Amino acid sequence: MLMPWFFPVAIALGLLGTKTGMEQRHIARKSGDKGWWIILLLAWLPLIYWILAQFVRQD
């Protein structure tokens, strides 16, 4: 999977998702909701998948 343009897109998505996740974490402190970490996971998954695709052979 040679898509070098995807790397900066995935980084930007991860950073924006982290910002949103941290904002939700501060809101969750008051309400007791513990689901803010799912935002972080979903935000960084595209980058993790892109990195895995660089090392896993795809035939």
PDB file of N, CA and C in Angstrom:
ATOM      1  N   MET A   1       0.853  -1.174   0.000  1.00  0.00           N
ATOM      2  CA  MET A   1       0.000   0.000   0.000  1.00  0.00           C
ATOM      3  C   MET A   1       0.895   1.231   0.000  1.00  0.00           C
ATOM      4  N   LEU A   2       1.198   1.720  -1.171  1.00  0.00           N
ATOM      5  CA  LEU A   2       2.065   2.877  -1.295  1.00  0.00           C
ATOM      6  C   LEU A   2       1.220   4.144  -1.442  1.00  0.00           C
ATOM      7  N   MET A   3       0.798   4.650  -0.349  1.00  0.00           N
ATOM      8  CA  MET A   3       0.005   5.885  -0.358  1.00  0.00           C
ATOM      9  C   MET A   3       0.640   6.864   0.636  1.00  0.00           C
ATOM     10  N   PRO A   4       1.737   7.516   0.235  1.00  0.00           N
ATOM     11  CA  PRO A   4       2.423   8.404   1.172  1.00  0.00           C
ATOM     12  C   PRO A   4       1.578   9.611   1.585  1.00  0.00           C
ATOM     13  N   TRP A   5       0.587   9.976   0.785  1.00  0.00           N
ATOM     14  CA  TRP A   5      -0.276  11.098   1.134  1.00  0.00           C
ATOM     15  C   TRP A   5      -1.185  10.758   2.312  1.00  0.00           C
ATOM     16  N   PHE A   6      -1.377   9.458   2.583  1.00  0.00           N
ATOM     17  CA  PHE A   6      -2.275   9.059   3.658  1.00  0.00           C
ATOM     18  C   PHE A   6      -1.668   9.304   5.040  1.00  0.00           C
ATOM     19  N   PHE A   7      -0.339   9.259   5.133  1.00  0.00           N
ATOM     20  CA  PHE A   7       0.334   9.449   6.419  1.00  0.00           C
ATOM     21  C   PHE A   7      -0.002  10.793   7.059  1.00  0.00           C
ATOM     22  N   PRO A   8       0.151  11.933   6.365  1.00  0.00           N
ATOM     23  CA  PRO A   8      -0.211  13.204   7.011  1.00  0.00           C
ATOM     24  C   PRO A   8      -1.702  13.329   7.304  1.00  0.00           C
ATOM     25  N   VAL A   9      -2.529  12.722   6.466  1.00  0.00           N
ATOM     26  CA  VAL A   9      -3.977  12.745   6.721  1.00  0.00           C
ATOM     27  C   VAL A   9      -4.291  11.973   8.000  1.00  0.00           C
ATOM     28  N   ALA A  10      -3.671  10.807   8.169  1.00  0.00           N
ATOM     29  CA  ALA A  10      -3.902  10.001   9.364  1.00  0.00           C
ATOM     30  C   ALA A  10      -3.380  10.692  10.616  1.00  0.00           C
ATOM     31  N   ILE A  11      -2.242  11.357  10.513  1.00  0.00           N
ATOM     32  CA  ILE A  11      -1.699  12.113  11.653  1.00  0.00           C
ATOM     33  C   ILE A  11      -2.653  13.239  12.029  1.00  0.00           C
ATOM     34  N   ALA A  12      -3.139  13.978  11.042  1.00  0.00           N
ATOM     35  CA  ALA A  12      -4.065  15.076  11.324  1.00  0.00           C
ATOM     36  C   ALA A  12      -5.348  14.559  11.968  1.00  0.00           C
ATOM     37  N   LEU A  13      -5.858  13.449  11.461  1.00  0.00           N
ATOM     38  CA  LEU A  13      -7.059  12.849  12.041  1.00  0.00           C
ATOM     39  C   LEU A  13      -6.812  12.429  13.485  1.00  0.00           C
ATOM     40  N   GLY A  14      -5.667  11.830  13.745  1.00  0.00           N
ATOM     41  CA  GLY A  14      -5.327  11.417  15.104  1.00  0.00           C
ATOM     42  C   GLY A  14      -5.212  12.595  16.054  1.00  0.00           C
ATOM     43  N   LEU A  15      -4.583  13.664  15.606  1.00  0.00           N
ATOM     44  CA  LEU A  15      -4.422  14.842  16.459  1.00  0.00           C
ATOM     45  C   LEU A  15      -5.761  15.525  16.750  1.00  0.00           C
ATOM     46  N   LEU A  16      -6.580  15.651  15.733  1.00  0.00           N
ATOM     47  CA  LEU A  16      -7.896  16.252  15.952  1.00  0.00           C
ATOM     48  C   LEU A  16      -8.776  15.373  16.829  1.00  0.00           C
ATOM     49  N   GLY A  17      -8.671  14.066  16.644  1.00  0.00           N
ATOM     50  CA  GLY A  17      -9.420  13.148  17.494  1.00  0.00           C
ATOM     51  C   GLY A  17      -8.942  13.186  18.936  1.00  0.00           C
ATOM     52  N   THR A  18      -7.633  13.367  19.127  1.00  0.00           N
ATOM     53  CA  THR A  18      -7.089  13.476  20.476  1.00  0.00           C
ATOM     54  C   THR A  18      -7.595  14.743  21.149  1.00  0.00           C
ATOM     55  N   LYS A  19      -7.627  15.832  20.410  1.00  0.00           N
ATOM     56  CA  LYS A  19      -8.146  17.085  20.969  1.00  0.00           C
ATOM     57  C   LYS A  19      -9.605  16.912  21.404  1.00  0.00           C
ATOM     58  N   THR A  20     -10.407  16.306  20.539  1.00  0.00           N
ATOM     59  CA  THR A  20     -11.816  16.078  20.858  1.00  0.00           C
ATOM     60  C   THR A  20     -11.957  15.118  22.036  1.00  0.00           C
ATOM     61  N   GLY A  21     -11.148  14.073  22.056  1.00  0.00           N
ATOM     62  CA  GLY A  21     -11.194  13.108  23.143  1.00  0.00           C
ATOM     63  C   GLY A  21     -10.841  13.722  24.485  1.00  0.00           C
ATOM     64  N   MET A  22      -9.851  14.609  24.490  1.00  0.00           N
ATOM     65  CA  MET A  22      -9.468  15.269  25.739  1.00  0.00           C
ATOM     66  C   MET A  22     -10.559  16.232  26.215  1.00  0.00           C
ATOM     67  N   GLU A  23     -11.218  16.896  25.267  1.00  0.00           N
ATOM     68  CA  GLU A  23     -12.339  17.762  25.649  1.00  0.00           C
ATOM     69  C   GLU A  23     -13.472  16.930  26.258  1.00  0.00           C
ATOM     70  N   GLN A  24     -13.743  15.782  25.661  1.00  0.00           N
ATOM     71  CA  GLN A  24     -14.790  14.904  26.189  1.00  0.00           C
ATOM     72  C   GLN A  24     -14.397  14.322  27.543  1.00  0.00           C
ATOM     73  N   ARG A  25     -13.114  14.108  27.741  1.00  0.00           N
ATOM     74  CA  ARG A  25     -12.645  13.604  29.030  1.00  0.00           C
ATOM     75  C   ARG A  25     -12.922  14.596  30.149  1.00  0.00           C
ATOM     76  N   HIS A  26     -12.698  15.872  29.857  1.00  0.00           N
ATOM     77  CA  HIS A  26     -12.972  16.899  30.863  1.00  0.00           C
ATOM     78  C   HIS A  26     -14.464  16.995  31.156  1.00  0.00           C
ATOM     79  N   ILE A  27     -15.279  16.843  30.135  1.00  0.00           N
ATOM     80  CA  ILE A  27     -16.736  16.845  30.337  1.00  0.00           C
ATOM     81  C   ILE A  27     -17.153  15.592  31.117  1.00  0.00           C
ATOM     82  N   ALA A  28     -16.498  14.464  30.816  1.00  0.00           N
ATOM     83  CA  ALA A  28     -16.865  13.194  31.446  1.00  0.00           C
ATOM     84  C   ALA A  28     -16.532  13.175  32.933  1.00  0.00           C
ATOM     85  N   ARG A  29     -15.589  13.978  33.354  1.00  0.00           N
ATOM     86  CA  ARG A  29     -15.267  14.025  34.785  1.00  0.00           C
ATOM     87  C   ARG A  29     -16.472  14.449  35.607  1.00  0.00           C
ATOM     88  N   LYS A  30     -17.257  15.351  35.056  1.00  0.00           N
ATOM     89  CA  LYS A  30     -18.437  15.839  35.770  1.00  0.00           C
ATOM     90  C   LYS A  30     -19.579  14.840  35.714  1.00  0.00           C
ATOM     91  N   SER A  31     -19.730  14.180  34.565  1.00  0.00           N
ATOM     92  CA  SER A  31     -20.881  13.286  34.387  1.00  0.00           C
ATOM     93  C   SER A  31     -20.574  11.832  34.752  1.00  0.00           C
ATOM     94  N   GLY A  32     -19.308  11.461  34.817  1.00  0.00           N
ATOM     95  CA  GLY A  32     -18.941  10.093  35.154  1.00  0.00           C
ATOM     96  C   GLY A  32     -18.913   9.148  33.963  1.00  0.00           C
ATOM     97  N   ASP A  33     -19.073   9.664  32.752  1.00  0.00           N
ATOM     98  CA  ASP A  33     -19.050   8.839  31.540  1.00  0.00           C
ATOM     99  C   ASP A  33     -17.609   8.404  31.252  1.00  0.00           C
ATOM    100  N   LYS A  34     -17.422   7.141  30.899  1.00  0.00           N
ATOM    101  CA  LYS A  34     -16.077   6.629  30.665  1.00  0.00           C
ATOM    102  C   LYS A  34     -15.824   6.248  29.206  1.00  0.00           C
ATOM    103  N   GLY A  35     -16.618   6.740  28.280  1.00  0.00           N
ATOM    104  CA  GLY A  35     -16.483   6.359  26.880  1.00  0.00           C
ATOM    105  C   GLY A  35     -15.588   7.257  26.052  1.00  0.00           C
ATOM    106  N   TRP A  36     -14.917   8.236  26.645  1.00  0.00           N
ATOM    107  CA  TRP A  36     -14.096   9.179  25.887  1.00  0.00           C
ATOM    108  C   TRP A  36     -12.902   8.491  25.224  1.00  0.00           C
ATOM    109  N   TRP A  37     -12.425   7.390  25.774  1.00  0.00           N
ATOM    110  CA  TRP A  37     -11.248   6.719  25.222  1.00  0.00           C
ATOM    111  C   TRP A  37     -11.551   6.087  23.863  1.00  0.00           C
ATOM    112  N   ILE A  38     -12.822   5.814  23.583  1.00  0.00           N
ATOM    113  CA  ILE A  38     -13.183   5.245  22.277  1.00  0.00           C
ATOM    114  C   ILE A  38     -12.879   6.246  21.168  1.00  0.00           C
ATOM    115  N   ILE A  39     -13.061   7.530  21.449  1.00  0.00           N
ATOM    116  CA  ILE A  39     -12.734   8.572  20.461  1.00  0.00           C
ATOM    117  C   ILE A  39     -11.250   8.516  20.128  1.00  0.00           C
ATOM    118  N   LEU A  40     -10.414   8.357  21.147  1.00  0.00           N
ATOM    119  CA  LEU A  40      -8.969   8.276  20.911  1.00  0.00           C
ATOM    120  C   LEU A  40      -8.621   7.053  20.080  1.00  0.00           C
ATOM    121  N   LEU A  41      -9.215   5.939  20.397  1.00  0.00           N
ATOM    122  CA  LEU A  41      -8.952   4.715  19.655  1.00  0.00           C
ATOM    123  C   LEU A  41      -9.340   4.855  18.190  1.00  0.00           C
ATOM    124  N   LEU A  42     -10.541   5.350  17.944  1.00  0.00           N
ATOM    125  CA  LEU A  42     -11.011   5.496  16.563  1.00  0.00           C
ATOM    126  C   LEU A  42     -10.217   6.537  15.781  1.00  0.00           C
ATOM    127  N   ALA A  43      -9.720   7.548  16.469  1.00  0.00           N
ATOM    128  CA  ALA A  43      -8.954   8.594  15.783  1.00  0.00           C
ATOM    129  C   ALA A  43      -7.596   8.083  15.302  1.00  0.00           C
ATOM    130  N   TRP A  44      -6.964   7.191  16.060  1.00  0.00           N
ATOM    131  CA  TRP A  44      -5.628   6.736  15.707  1.00  0.00           C
ATOM    132  C   TRP A  44      -5.613   5.431  14.915  1.00  0.00           C
ATOM    133  N   LEU A  45      -6.746   4.757  14.765  1.00  0.00           N
ATOM    134  CA  LEU A  45      -6.785   3.506  14.010  1.00  0.00           C
ATOM    135  C   LEU A  45      -6.332   3.643  12.552  1.00  0.00           C
ATOM    136  N   PRO A  46      -6.710   4.687  11.817  1.00  0.00           N
ATOM    137  CA  PRO A  46      -6.215   4.782  10.429  1.00  0.00           C
ATOM    138  C   PRO A  46      -4.688   4.800  10.336  1.00  0.00           C
ATOM    139  N   LEU A  47      -4.028   5.483  11.258  1.00  0.00           N
ATOM    140  CA  LEU A  47      -2.565   5.513  11.234  1.00  0.00           C
ATOM    141  C   LEU A  47      -1.993   4.144  11.576  1.00  0.00           C
ATOM    142  N   ILE A  48      -2.570   3.477  12.549  1.00  0.00           N
ATOM    143  CA  ILE A  48      -2.102   2.142  12.916  1.00  0.00           C
ATOM    144  C   ILE A  48      -2.267   1.187  11.745  1.00  0.00           C
ATOM    145  N   TYR A  49      -3.419   1.241  11.073  1.00  0.00           N
ATOM    146  CA  TYR A  49      -3.646   0.376   9.916  1.00  0.00           C
ATOM    147  C   TYR A  49      -2.690   0.708   8.774  1.00  0.00           C
ATOM    148  N   TRP A  50      -2.400   1.984   8.563  1.00  0.00           N
ATOM    149  CA  TRP A  50      -1.479   2.370   7.498  1.00  0.00           C
ATOM    150  C   TRP A  50      -0.082   1.827   7.789  1.00  0.00           C
ATOM    151  N   ILE A  51       0.351   1.939   9.049  1.00  0.00           N
ATOM    152  CA  ILE A  51       1.673   1.430   9.421  1.00  0.00           C
ATOM    153  C   ILE A  51       1.723  -0.085   9.243  1.00  0.00           C
ATOM    154  N   LEU A  52       0.680  -0.780   9.678  1.00  0.00           N
ATOM    155  CA  LEU A  52       0.646  -2.241   9.495  1.00  0.00           C
ATOM    156  C   LEU A  52       0.683  -2.613   8.019  1.00  0.00           C
ATOM    157  N   ALA A  53       0.013  -1.851   7.193  1.00  0.00           N
ATOM    158  CA  ALA A  53      -0.019  -2.142   5.759  1.00  0.00           C
ATOM    159  C   ALA A  53       1.348  -1.964   5.120  1.00  0.00           C
ATOM    160  N   GLN A  54       2.226  -1.182   5.723  1.00  0.00           N
ATOM    161  CA  GLN A  54       3.570  -1.000   5.184  1.00  0.00           C
ATOM    162  C   GLN A  54       4.448  -2.226   5.429  1.00  0.00           C
ATOM    163  N   PHE A  55       4.117  -3.015   6.453  1.00  0.00           N
ATOM    164  CA  PHE A  55       4.969  -4.151   6.819  1.00  0.00           C
ATOM    165  C   PHE A  55       4.367  -5.508   6.491  1.00  0.00           C
ATOM    166  N   VAL A  56       3.070  -5.568   6.296  1.00  0.00           N
ATOM    167  CA  VAL A  56       2.402  -6.830   5.981  1.00  0.00           C
ATOM    168  C   VAL A  56       2.323  -6.973   4.464  1.00  0.00           C
ATOM    169  N   ARG A  57       2.765  -8.094   3.978  1.00  0.00           N
ATOM    170  CA  ARG A  57       2.750  -8.322   2.538  1.00  0.00           C
ATOM    171  C   ARG A  57       1.316  -8.589   2.066  1.00  0.00           C
ATOM    172  N   GLN A  58       0.923  -7.908   1.007  1.00  0.00           N
ATOM    173  CA  GLN A  58      -0.416  -8.054   0.471  1.00  0.00           C
ATOM    174  C   GLN A  58      -0.325  -8.581  -0.959  1.00  0.00           C
ATOM    175  N   ASP A  59      -0.708  -9.817  -1.115  1.00  0.00           N
ATOM    176  CA  ASP A  59      -0.675 -10.428  -2.456  1.00  0.00           C
ATOM    177  C   ASP A  59      -2.039 -10.535  -3.042  1.00  0.00           C
TER     178      ASP A  59
END
